[in-house]
Amino acid sequence: MIPVGYLAKRVALKPDWLNAEQVKDIYSVSCCVSDAFCEYIQFWRHNGYWLFDSPEVIYSLAKEEGIDLADTTMFYYEAYEYQYDEEVLEWSLFEPEASFDTDVKIPRQKMLQGFDIVSFHLEQSPECSYLSCNHMAQDLEVNEHCLLTSFDEAKKHLESGVFHGCEPGPCRIFAVYSVPDMQ
């Protein structure tokens, strides 16, 4: 797993349309259900993985733009260094966008919440979570945050074809960590 960055998100409770009783809220990497703290790409402060190198960059941006972070949760992400293409059934390396500086700071404290599988059709910012956006949490065993409990489980499900047709690929496996508020 490689460090890919941070994002402050407004965690949403489980939507009514997701029929997965054990899910309480959505910690997915995608911003389809649980929004990012703002539409951040327009500020061009993200790294080559289209996330942030540190919480400090997020705090600074929020202060400059008058964005309230009070109701956000800070997440740190690591990703499997390969992405999976369901059309050709193979893994391939991916790298950060070279035109952006990428220097992700590893948090001193982090708590693993689970693993997400996210589409990257445009191969830039995270797009849709197969588990929440595509309702796959209704068919697979996920935790209270709508995440898988292990990397091996995520990889096995991808290679089994269970997600075929969810979203245009490729897709990536993310480890989702919560980090303490550092403000």
N, C-alpha and C. Protein backbone atom coordinates (compact mmCIF):
# COMPACT_ATOMS: atom_id res chain seq x y z
N MET A 1 0.86 -1.18 0.00
CA MET A 1 0.00 0.00 0.00
C MET A 1 0.89 1.23 0.00
N ILE A 2 0.46 2.23 -0.74
CA ILE A 2 1.22 3.48 -0.83
C ILE A 2 0.39 4.63 -0.26
N PRO A 3 1.04 5.58 0.41
CA PRO A 3 0.29 6.73 0.92
C PRO A 3 -0.16 7.62 -0.24
N VAL A 4 -1.45 7.97 -0.27
CA VAL A 4 -1.96 8.80 -1.37
C VAL A 4 -2.56 10.12 -0.90
N GLY A 5 -2.85 10.27 0.40
CA GLY A 5 -3.29 11.58 0.85
C GLY A 5 -4.42 11.60 1.85
N TYR A 6 -4.88 12.82 2.08
CA TYR A 6 -5.90 13.13 3.09
C TYR A 6 -7.09 13.82 2.43
N LEU A 7 -8.24 13.72 3.11
CA LEU A 7 -9.41 14.48 2.72
C LEU A 7 -10.31 14.64 3.94
N ALA A 8 -10.77 15.86 4.17
CA ALA A 8 -11.78 16.12 5.21
C ALA A 8 -13.15 15.95 4.55
N LYS A 9 -14.00 15.15 5.19
CA LYS A 9 -15.30 14.84 4.60
C LYS A 9 -16.43 15.06 5.59
N ARG A 10 -17.59 15.35 5.05
CA ARG A 10 -18.82 15.46 5.83
C ARG A 10 -19.51 14.09 5.73
N VAL A 11 -19.30 13.29 6.75
CA VAL A 11 -19.78 11.91 6.73
C VAL A 11 -21.31 11.88 6.79
N ALA A 12 -21.89 11.19 5.83
CA ALA A 12 -23.35 11.06 5.76
C ALA A 12 -23.80 9.77 6.43
N LEU A 13 -24.98 9.82 7.03
CA LEU A 13 -25.60 8.61 7.54
C LEU A 13 -26.02 7.75 6.35
N LYS A 14 -26.24 6.47 6.61
CA LYS A 14 -26.65 5.54 5.55
C LYS A 14 -27.90 6.08 4.86
N PRO A 15 -27.86 6.22 3.54
CA PRO A 15 -29.06 6.68 2.83
C PRO A 15 -30.15 5.59 2.85
N ASP A 16 -31.39 6.01 2.77
CA ASP A 16 -32.51 5.07 2.80
C ASP A 16 -32.47 4.07 1.65
N TRP A 17 -31.90 4.46 0.52
CA TRP A 17 -31.88 3.58 -0.65
C TRP A 17 -30.87 2.44 -0.53
N LEU A 18 -29.98 2.49 0.46
CA LEU A 18 -28.99 1.43 0.63
C LEU A 18 -29.52 0.41 1.64
N ASN A 19 -29.90 -0.75 1.15
CA ASN A 19 -30.48 -1.79 1.99
C ASN A 19 -29.40 -2.69 2.58
N ALA A 20 -28.68 -2.14 3.55
CA ALA A 20 -27.64 -2.88 4.26
C ALA A 20 -27.76 -2.49 5.73
N GLU A 21 -28.45 -3.31 6.50
CA GLU A 21 -28.82 -2.98 7.88
C GLU A 21 -27.63 -2.65 8.77
N GLN A 22 -26.49 -3.31 8.56
CA GLN A 22 -25.34 -3.10 9.43
C GLN A 22 -24.65 -1.76 9.20
N VAL A 23 -24.91 -1.11 8.08
CA VAL A 23 -24.26 0.15 7.74
C VAL A 23 -24.92 1.30 8.50
N LYS A 24 -24.09 2.09 9.19
CA LYS A 24 -24.59 3.27 9.92
C LYS A 24 -24.29 4.56 9.17
N ASP A 25 -23.09 4.60 8.56
CA ASP A 25 -22.67 5.81 7.85
C ASP A 25 -21.73 5.41 6.72
N ILE A 26 -21.37 6.38 5.88
CA ILE A 26 -20.61 6.10 4.67
C ILE A 26 -19.23 6.75 4.75
N TYR A 27 -18.20 5.91 4.85
CA TYR A 27 -16.81 6.37 4.90
C TYR A 27 -16.12 6.19 3.54
N SER A 28 -16.85 6.06 2.48
CA SER A 28 -16.25 5.80 1.17
C SER A 28 -15.29 6.91 0.75
N VAL A 29 -14.35 6.55 -0.10
CA VAL A 29 -13.39 7.52 -0.64
C VAL A 29 -14.12 8.49 -1.57
N SER A 30 -15.07 7.99 -2.32
CA SER A 30 -15.80 8.85 -3.26
C SER A 30 -16.60 9.90 -2.50
N CYS A 31 -16.94 10.95 -3.19
CA CYS A 31 -17.72 12.04 -2.58
C CYS A 31 -19.18 12.02 -3.02
N CYS A 32 -19.64 10.89 -3.54
CA CYS A 32 -21.01 10.79 -4.02
C CYS A 32 -22.04 10.84 -2.89
N VAL A 33 -21.72 10.25 -1.74
CA VAL A 33 -22.65 10.24 -0.60
C VAL A 33 -22.13 11.14 0.51
N SER A 34 -20.91 10.91 0.94
CA SER A 34 -20.28 11.76 1.97
C SER A 34 -19.39 12.77 1.26
N ASP A 35 -19.80 14.02 1.30
CA ASP A 35 -19.12 15.08 0.55
C ASP A 35 -17.76 15.44 1.11
N ALA A 36 -16.89 15.91 0.22
CA ALA A 36 -15.63 16.52 0.65
C ALA A 36 -15.97 17.84 1.34
N PHE A 37 -15.03 18.38 2.07
CA PHE A 37 -15.25 19.63 2.81
C PHE A 37 -15.58 20.80 1.89
N CYS A 38 -15.21 20.70 0.62
CA CYS A 38 -15.57 21.70 -0.39
C CYS A 38 -15.24 21.12 -1.76
N GLU A 39 -15.60 21.85 -2.80
CA GLU A 39 -15.20 21.49 -4.17
C GLU A 39 -13.74 21.94 -4.33
N TYR A 40 -12.83 21.13 -3.85
CA TYR A 40 -11.44 21.56 -3.66
C TYR A 40 -10.58 21.60 -4.92
N ILE A 41 -10.92 20.89 -5.95
CA ILE A 41 -10.04 20.82 -7.12
C ILE A 41 -9.83 22.20 -7.74
N GLN A 42 -10.81 23.06 -7.69
CA GLN A 42 -10.70 24.40 -8.27
C GLN A 42 -9.57 25.22 -7.66
N PHE A 43 -9.10 24.86 -6.46
CA PHE A 43 -8.05 25.62 -5.78
C PHE A 43 -6.64 25.11 -6.13
N TRP A 44 -6.55 23.96 -6.77
CA TRP A 44 -5.28 23.39 -7.24
C TRP A 44 -4.24 23.28 -6.13
N ARG A 45 -4.67 22.83 -4.96
CA ARG A 45 -3.75 22.61 -3.84
C ARG A 45 -3.59 21.11 -3.56
N HIS A 46 -4.25 20.29 -4.35
CA HIS A 46 -4.18 18.84 -4.16
C HIS A 46 -2.88 18.29 -4.73
N ASN A 47 -2.60 17.04 -4.40
CA ASN A 47 -1.40 16.39 -4.91
C ASN A 47 -1.70 15.60 -6.18
N GLY A 48 -0.73 14.82 -6.62
CA GLY A 48 -0.88 14.05 -7.86
C GLY A 48 -1.87 12.91 -7.78
N TYR A 49 -2.32 12.57 -6.58
CA TYR A 49 -3.38 11.58 -6.41
C TYR A 49 -4.74 12.26 -6.25
N TRP A 50 -4.78 13.56 -6.40
CA TRP A 50 -5.99 14.38 -6.32
C TRP A 50 -6.58 14.38 -4.91
N LEU A 51 -5.67 14.23 -3.92
CA LEU A 51 -6.00 14.36 -2.51
C LEU A 51 -5.02 15.38 -1.94
N PHE A 52 -4.86 15.45 -0.62
CA PHE A 52 -3.96 16.43 -0.02
C PHE A 52 -2.80 15.75 0.68
N ASP A 53 -1.63 16.39 0.64
CA ASP A 53 -0.43 15.82 1.24
C ASP A 53 -0.46 15.80 2.76
N SER A 54 -1.23 16.67 3.37
CA SER A 54 -1.30 16.73 4.83
C SER A 54 -2.59 17.42 5.27
N PRO A 55 -3.00 17.19 6.51
CA PRO A 55 -4.16 17.93 7.03
C PRO A 55 -3.90 19.43 7.06
N GLU A 56 -2.65 19.83 7.27
CA GLU A 56 -2.33 21.25 7.34
C GLU A 56 -2.69 21.98 6.05
N VAL A 57 -2.52 21.34 4.91
CA VAL A 57 -2.89 21.96 3.64
C VAL A 57 -4.41 22.19 3.61
N ILE A 58 -5.16 21.23 4.09
CA ILE A 58 -6.62 21.36 4.15
C ILE A 58 -7.02 22.48 5.10
N TYR A 59 -6.42 22.50 6.29
CA TYR A 59 -6.74 23.55 7.28
C TYR A 59 -6.42 24.93 6.72
N SER A 60 -5.29 25.05 6.05
CA SER A 60 -4.89 26.34 5.47
C SER A 60 -5.88 26.79 4.40
N LEU A 61 -6.24 25.87 3.51
CA LEU A 61 -7.19 26.19 2.45
C LEU A 61 -8.54 26.60 3.04
N ALA A 62 -9.00 25.85 4.03
CA ALA A 62 -10.29 26.16 4.66
C ALA A 62 -10.26 27.54 5.30
N LYS A 63 -9.18 27.87 5.95
CA LYS A 63 -9.06 29.19 6.59
C LYS A 63 -9.07 30.29 5.53
N GLU A 64 -8.28 30.12 4.48
CA GLU A 64 -8.21 31.12 3.41
C GLU A 64 -9.56 31.35 2.74
N GLU A 65 -10.33 30.30 2.58
CA GLU A 65 -11.60 30.38 1.84
C GLU A 65 -12.82 30.50 2.75
N GLY A 66 -12.61 30.57 4.06
CA GLY A 66 -13.73 30.71 5.00
C GLY A 66 -14.61 29.48 5.07
N ILE A 67 -14.02 28.30 4.96
CA ILE A 67 -14.78 27.04 4.99
C ILE A 67 -14.75 26.47 6.40
N ASP A 68 -15.92 26.20 6.94
CA ASP A 68 -16.04 25.65 8.29
C ASP A 68 -15.80 24.14 8.24
N LEU A 69 -14.83 23.68 9.01
CA LEU A 69 -14.51 22.25 9.06
C LEU A 69 -15.11 21.57 10.29
N ALA A 70 -15.95 22.28 11.03
CA ALA A 70 -16.46 21.77 12.31
C ALA A 70 -17.17 20.42 12.19
N ASP A 71 -17.90 20.19 11.13
CA ASP A 71 -18.66 18.95 11.00
C ASP A 71 -18.00 17.95 10.05
N THR A 72 -16.68 18.02 9.94
CA THR A 72 -15.96 17.11 9.05
C THR A 72 -15.16 16.08 9.84
N THR A 73 -14.83 15.00 9.17
CA THR A 73 -13.94 13.97 9.69
C THR A 73 -12.73 13.93 8.77
N MET A 74 -11.54 13.88 9.36
CA MET A 74 -10.32 13.83 8.56
C MET A 74 -9.98 12.37 8.27
N PHE A 75 -9.79 12.08 6.98
CA PHE A 75 -9.41 10.75 6.55
C PHE A 75 -8.03 10.77 5.91
N TYR A 76 -7.32 9.68 6.11
CA TYR A 76 -6.02 9.44 5.47
C TYR A 76 -6.19 8.17 4.65
N TYR A 77 -5.63 8.17 3.45
CA TYR A 77 -5.80 7.04 2.54
C TYR A 77 -4.47 6.47 2.08
N GLU A 78 -4.46 5.16 1.97
CA GLU A 78 -3.39 4.44 1.29
C GLU A 78 -4.07 3.62 0.20
N ALA A 79 -3.34 3.38 -0.87
CA ALA A 79 -3.92 2.62 -1.98
C ALA A 79 -2.97 1.50 -2.40
N TYR A 80 -3.57 0.43 -2.86
CA TYR A 80 -2.78 -0.63 -3.48
C TYR A 80 -2.14 -0.02 -4.72
N GLU A 81 -0.88 -0.31 -4.95
CA GLU A 81 -0.15 0.36 -6.03
C GLU A 81 -0.55 -0.08 -7.44
N TYR A 82 -1.45 -1.04 -7.51
CA TYR A 82 -1.96 -1.50 -8.80
C TYR A 82 -3.45 -1.17 -8.90
N GLN A 83 -3.90 -0.89 -10.11
CA GLN A 83 -5.33 -0.71 -10.35
C GLN A 83 -5.81 -1.87 -11.20
N TYR A 84 -7.09 -2.21 -11.05
CA TYR A 84 -7.64 -3.38 -11.73
C TYR A 84 -8.55 -2.96 -12.87
N ASP A 85 -8.33 -3.57 -14.02
CA ASP A 85 -9.17 -3.32 -15.18
C ASP A 85 -10.04 -4.56 -15.39
N GLU A 86 -11.32 -4.41 -15.13
CA GLU A 86 -12.24 -5.55 -15.22
C GLU A 86 -12.49 -6.01 -16.65
N GLU A 87 -12.22 -5.15 -17.61
CA GLU A 87 -12.44 -5.55 -19.01
C GLU A 87 -11.37 -6.53 -19.49
N VAL A 88 -10.13 -6.30 -19.08
CA VAL A 88 -9.03 -7.18 -19.51
C VAL A 88 -8.56 -8.10 -18.39
N LEU A 89 -9.19 -7.98 -17.22
CA LEU A 89 -8.90 -8.83 -16.06
C LEU A 89 -7.43 -8.82 -15.67
N GLU A 90 -6.87 -7.60 -15.55
CA GLU A 90 -5.47 -7.54 -15.12
C GLU A 90 -5.19 -6.31 -14.28
N TRP A 91 -4.14 -6.43 -13.49
CA TRP A 91 -3.66 -5.36 -12.63
C TRP A 91 -2.55 -4.61 -13.35
N SER A 92 -2.52 -3.29 -13.19
CA SER A 92 -1.44 -2.48 -13.76
C SER A 92 -1.05 -1.39 -12.76
N LEU A 93 0.22 -1.03 -12.78
CA LEU A 93 0.70 0.03 -11.89
C LEU A 93 0.04 1.36 -12.23
N PHE A 94 -0.15 2.19 -11.23
CA PHE A 94 -0.58 3.57 -11.49
C PHE A 94 0.33 4.49 -10.70
N GLU A 95 0.44 5.71 -11.14
CA GLU A 95 1.31 6.69 -10.50
C GLU A 95 0.56 8.01 -10.35
N PRO A 96 1.08 8.88 -9.48
CA PRO A 96 0.44 10.19 -9.34
C PRO A 96 0.63 11.02 -10.60
N GLU A 97 -0.26 11.96 -10.82
CA GLU A 97 -0.13 12.91 -11.92
C GLU A 97 1.17 13.68 -11.71
N ALA A 98 2.08 13.59 -12.67
CA ALA A 98 3.43 14.14 -12.53
C ALA A 98 3.48 15.66 -12.47
N SER A 99 2.46 16.34 -12.97
CA SER A 99 2.49 17.80 -12.97
C SER A 99 2.19 18.41 -11.59
N PHE A 100 1.83 17.57 -10.61
CA PHE A 100 1.58 18.03 -9.24
C PHE A 100 2.66 17.48 -8.32
N ASP A 101 3.11 18.31 -7.38
CA ASP A 101 4.00 17.82 -6.34
C ASP A 101 3.22 16.86 -5.46
N THR A 102 3.85 15.76 -5.11
CA THR A 102 3.21 14.78 -4.23
C THR A 102 4.21 14.38 -3.15
N ASP A 103 3.88 14.72 -1.91
CA ASP A 103 4.74 14.42 -0.76
C ASP A 103 3.84 14.17 0.44
N VAL A 104 3.19 13.03 0.46
CA VAL A 104 2.21 12.72 1.49
C VAL A 104 2.90 12.48 2.83
N LYS A 105 2.44 13.20 3.84
CA LYS A 105 2.95 13.05 5.21
C LYS A 105 2.19 11.92 5.89
N ILE A 106 2.92 10.97 6.44
CA ILE A 106 2.30 9.84 7.13
C ILE A 106 1.82 10.31 8.51
N PRO A 107 0.57 10.04 8.87
CA PRO A 107 0.09 10.49 10.19
C PRO A 107 0.73 9.70 11.33
N ARG A 108 0.94 10.38 12.44
CA ARG A 108 1.48 9.70 13.63
C ARG A 108 0.44 8.76 14.22
N GLN A 109 -0.82 9.15 14.14
CA GLN A 109 -1.90 8.31 14.63
C GLN A 109 -2.92 8.12 13.51
N LYS A 110 -3.33 6.88 13.34
CA LYS A 110 -4.36 6.59 12.34
C LYS A 110 -5.10 5.34 12.79
N MET A 111 -6.38 5.28 12.47
CA MET A 111 -7.18 4.13 12.83
C MET A 111 -7.82 3.56 11.56
N LEU A 112 -7.45 2.33 11.23
CA LEU A 112 -8.00 1.68 10.04
C LEU A 112 -9.49 1.46 10.22
N GLN A 113 -10.27 1.95 9.24
CA GLN A 113 -11.72 1.79 9.27
C GLN A 113 -12.20 0.71 8.31
N GLY A 114 -11.39 0.40 7.29
CA GLY A 114 -11.76 -0.62 6.32
C GLY A 114 -11.20 -0.31 4.95
N PHE A 115 -11.70 -1.02 3.95
CA PHE A 115 -11.19 -0.91 2.58
C PHE A 115 -12.32 -0.61 1.61
N ASP A 116 -12.05 0.30 0.70
CA ASP A 116 -13.03 0.70 -0.31
C ASP A 116 -12.48 0.35 -1.69
N ILE A 117 -13.37 0.17 -2.63
CA ILE A 117 -13.01 -0.05 -4.03
C ILE A 117 -13.65 1.08 -4.82
N VAL A 118 -12.80 1.83 -5.54
CA VAL A 118 -13.23 3.08 -6.14
C VAL A 118 -12.88 3.12 -7.63
N SER A 119 -13.82 3.58 -8.43
CA SER A 119 -13.57 3.68 -9.88
C SER A 119 -12.71 4.91 -10.19
N PHE A 120 -11.89 4.77 -11.23
CA PHE A 120 -11.02 5.84 -11.71
C PHE A 120 -11.04 5.85 -13.23
N HIS A 121 -12.22 5.95 -13.79
CA HIS A 121 -12.37 5.92 -15.25
C HIS A 121 -11.51 6.99 -15.93
N LEU A 122 -11.48 8.19 -15.35
CA LEU A 122 -10.67 9.27 -15.93
C LEU A 122 -9.24 9.26 -15.40
N GLU A 123 -8.98 8.35 -14.45
CA GLU A 123 -7.66 8.16 -13.83
C GLU A 123 -7.11 9.43 -13.19
N GLN A 124 -8.00 10.20 -12.58
CA GLN A 124 -7.59 11.40 -11.84
C GLN A 124 -8.14 11.29 -10.43
N SER A 125 -9.18 12.05 -10.11
CA SER A 125 -9.74 12.02 -8.76
C SER A 125 -10.64 10.80 -8.57
N PRO A 126 -10.82 10.37 -7.31
CA PRO A 126 -11.70 9.24 -7.04
C PRO A 126 -13.11 9.51 -7.57
N GLU A 127 -13.70 8.50 -8.18
CA GLU A 127 -15.04 8.66 -8.74
C GLU A 127 -16.05 7.96 -7.83
N CYS A 128 -16.55 6.79 -8.19
CA CYS A 128 -17.60 6.14 -7.41
C CYS A 128 -17.09 4.94 -6.62
N SER A 129 -17.67 4.75 -5.44
CA SER A 129 -17.39 3.57 -4.62
C SER A 129 -18.30 2.44 -5.08
N TYR A 130 -17.71 1.30 -5.35
CA TYR A 130 -18.53 0.16 -5.74
C TYR A 130 -19.45 -0.27 -4.59
N LEU A 131 -19.02 -0.07 -3.36
CA LEU A 131 -19.78 -0.56 -2.21
C LEU A 131 -20.99 0.30 -1.91
N SER A 132 -20.83 1.62 -1.90
CA SER A 132 -21.97 2.49 -1.58
C SER A 132 -22.69 2.97 -2.83
N CYS A 133 -22.00 3.63 -3.72
CA CYS A 133 -22.65 4.21 -4.92
C CYS A 133 -23.35 3.15 -5.77
N ASN A 134 -22.78 1.97 -5.82
CA ASN A 134 -23.32 0.90 -6.66
C ASN A 134 -24.09 -0.15 -5.87
N HIS A 135 -24.40 0.15 -4.61
CA HIS A 135 -25.25 -0.71 -3.78
C HIS A 135 -24.66 -2.10 -3.51
N MET A 136 -23.39 -2.32 -3.78
CA MET A 136 -22.82 -3.66 -3.58
C MET A 136 -22.74 -4.03 -2.10
N ALA A 137 -22.86 -3.06 -1.22
CA ALA A 137 -22.90 -3.35 0.22
C ALA A 137 -24.14 -4.17 0.57
N GLN A 138 -25.13 -4.18 -0.30
CA GLN A 138 -26.33 -4.98 -0.08
C GLN A 138 -26.06 -6.46 -0.32
N ASP A 139 -25.03 -6.78 -1.11
CA ASP A 139 -24.74 -8.16 -1.47
C ASP A 139 -23.49 -8.72 -0.80
N LEU A 140 -22.63 -7.84 -0.30
CA LEU A 140 -21.37 -8.26 0.30
C LEU A 140 -21.34 -7.90 1.78
N GLU A 141 -20.49 -8.57 2.52
CA GLU A 141 -20.36 -8.28 3.94
C GLU A 141 -19.47 -7.05 4.12
N VAL A 142 -20.07 -5.99 4.61
CA VAL A 142 -19.34 -4.74 4.87
C VAL A 142 -19.53 -4.37 6.34
N ASN A 143 -18.69 -3.45 6.81
CA ASN A 143 -18.80 -3.01 8.20
C ASN A 143 -19.78 -1.84 8.34
N GLU A 144 -19.84 -1.26 9.53
CA GLU A 144 -20.80 -0.19 9.81
C GLU A 144 -20.53 1.09 9.01
N HIS A 145 -19.33 1.18 8.42
CA HIS A 145 -18.97 2.35 7.61
C HIS A 145 -19.05 2.08 6.10
N CYS A 146 -19.65 0.95 5.74
CA CYS A 146 -19.82 0.56 4.33
C CYS A 146 -18.48 0.28 3.66
N LEU A 147 -17.59 -0.35 4.41
CA LEU A 147 -16.26 -0.71 3.91
C LEU A 147 -16.03 -2.20 4.13
N LEU A 148 -15.17 -2.78 3.31
CA LEU A 148 -14.75 -4.16 3.51
C LEU A 148 -13.74 -4.21 4.65
N THR A 149 -13.61 -5.37 5.29
CA THR A 149 -12.75 -5.45 6.48
C THR A 149 -11.30 -5.78 6.18
N SER A 150 -10.99 -6.27 4.97
CA SER A 150 -9.59 -6.60 4.69
C SER A 150 -9.23 -6.34 3.23
N PHE A 151 -7.95 -6.11 3.02
CA PHE A 151 -7.43 -5.94 1.67
C PHE A 151 -7.66 -7.22 0.86
N ASP A 152 -7.35 -8.36 1.47
CA ASP A 152 -7.49 -9.64 0.76
C ASP A 152 -8.92 -9.85 0.27
N GLU A 153 -9.88 -9.47 1.10
CA GLU A 153 -11.29 -9.58 0.72
C GLU A 153 -11.60 -8.68 -0.48
N ALA A 154 -11.10 -7.45 -0.45
CA ALA A 154 -11.32 -6.51 -1.56
C ALA A 154 -10.73 -7.06 -2.86
N LYS A 155 -9.51 -7.53 -2.79
CA LYS A 155 -8.83 -8.06 -3.98
C LYS A 155 -9.55 -9.30 -4.51
N LYS A 156 -9.95 -10.17 -3.60
CA LYS A 156 -10.67 -11.39 -4.00
C LYS A 156 -11.98 -11.04 -4.71
N HIS A 157 -12.73 -10.10 -4.15
CA HIS A 157 -14.00 -9.71 -4.78
C HIS A 157 -13.77 -9.11 -6.16
N LEU A 158 -12.75 -8.27 -6.30
CA LEU A 158 -12.47 -7.68 -7.61
C LEU A 158 -12.15 -8.76 -8.63
N GLU A 159 -11.28 -9.66 -8.27
CA GLU A 159 -10.84 -10.70 -9.21
C GLU A 159 -11.93 -11.73 -9.50
N SER A 160 -12.93 -11.82 -8.62
CA SER A 160 -14.02 -12.79 -8.83
C SER A 160 -15.02 -12.32 -9.89
N GLY A 161 -15.00 -11.03 -10.20
CA GLY A 161 -15.94 -10.49 -11.18
C GLY A 161 -17.24 -10.00 -10.58
N VAL A 162 -17.38 -10.03 -9.26
CA VAL A 162 -18.64 -9.64 -8.62
C VAL A 162 -19.00 -8.18 -8.89
N PHE A 163 -18.00 -7.34 -9.17
CA PHE A 163 -18.25 -5.92 -9.44
C PHE A 163 -18.39 -5.61 -10.92
N HIS A 164 -18.31 -6.60 -11.77
CA HIS A 164 -18.35 -6.35 -13.21
C HIS A 164 -19.62 -5.58 -13.58
N GLY A 165 -19.44 -4.48 -14.29
CA GLY A 165 -20.55 -3.66 -14.73
C GLY A 165 -20.96 -2.57 -13.76
N CYS A 166 -20.31 -2.50 -12.59
CA CYS A 166 -20.67 -1.44 -11.62
C CYS A 166 -20.36 -0.06 -12.18
N GLU A 167 -19.14 0.15 -12.59
CA GLU A 167 -18.67 1.44 -13.10
C GLU A 167 -17.62 1.18 -14.16
N PRO A 168 -17.41 2.12 -15.08
CA PRO A 168 -16.28 1.96 -15.99
C PRO A 168 -14.98 2.04 -15.19
N GLY A 169 -14.05 1.18 -15.49
CA GLY A 169 -12.79 1.13 -14.74
C GLY A 169 -11.72 1.95 -15.39
N PRO A 170 -10.53 1.81 -14.87
CA PRO A 170 -10.10 0.87 -13.85
C PRO A 170 -10.56 1.29 -12.46
N CYS A 171 -10.28 0.42 -11.48
CA CYS A 171 -10.63 0.75 -10.10
C CYS A 171 -9.44 0.45 -9.20
N ARG A 172 -9.47 1.05 -8.02
CA ARG A 172 -8.36 0.94 -7.07
C ARG A 172 -8.89 0.56 -5.69
N ILE A 173 -8.06 -0.15 -4.95
CA ILE A 173 -8.38 -0.52 -3.57
C ILE A 173 -7.72 0.49 -2.64
N PHE A 174 -8.51 1.05 -1.74
CA PHE A 174 -8.03 2.03 -0.76
C PHE A 174 -8.19 1.50 0.66
N ALA A 175 -7.18 1.72 1.48
CA ALA A 175 -7.31 1.57 2.93
C ALA A 175 -7.79 2.92 3.45
N VAL A 176 -8.86 2.92 4.22
CA VAL A 176 -9.47 4.15 4.74
C VAL A 176 -9.17 4.24 6.23
N TYR A 177 -8.47 5.31 6.61
CA TYR A 177 -8.12 5.55 8.01
C TYR A 177 -8.77 6.85 8.48
N SER A 178 -9.22 6.87 9.71
CA SER A 178 -9.59 8.14 10.33
C SER A 178 -8.37 8.61 11.10
N VAL A 179 -8.20 9.92 11.16
CA VAL A 179 -7.09 10.49 11.92
C VAL A 179 -7.65 11.52 12.88
N PRO A 180 -7.01 11.68 14.05
CA PRO A 180 -7.54 12.65 15.01
C PRO A 180 -7.47 14.07 14.48
N ASP A 181 -8.40 14.89 14.94
CA ASP A 181 -8.41 16.31 14.57
C ASP A 181 -7.12 16.94 15.07
N MET A 182 -6.40 17.60 14.18
CA MET A 182 -5.09 18.15 14.53
C MET A 182 -5.10 19.67 14.58
N GLN A 183 -6.27 20.29 14.51
CA GLN A 183 -6.34 21.76 14.52
C GLN A 183 -6.06 22.31 15.89
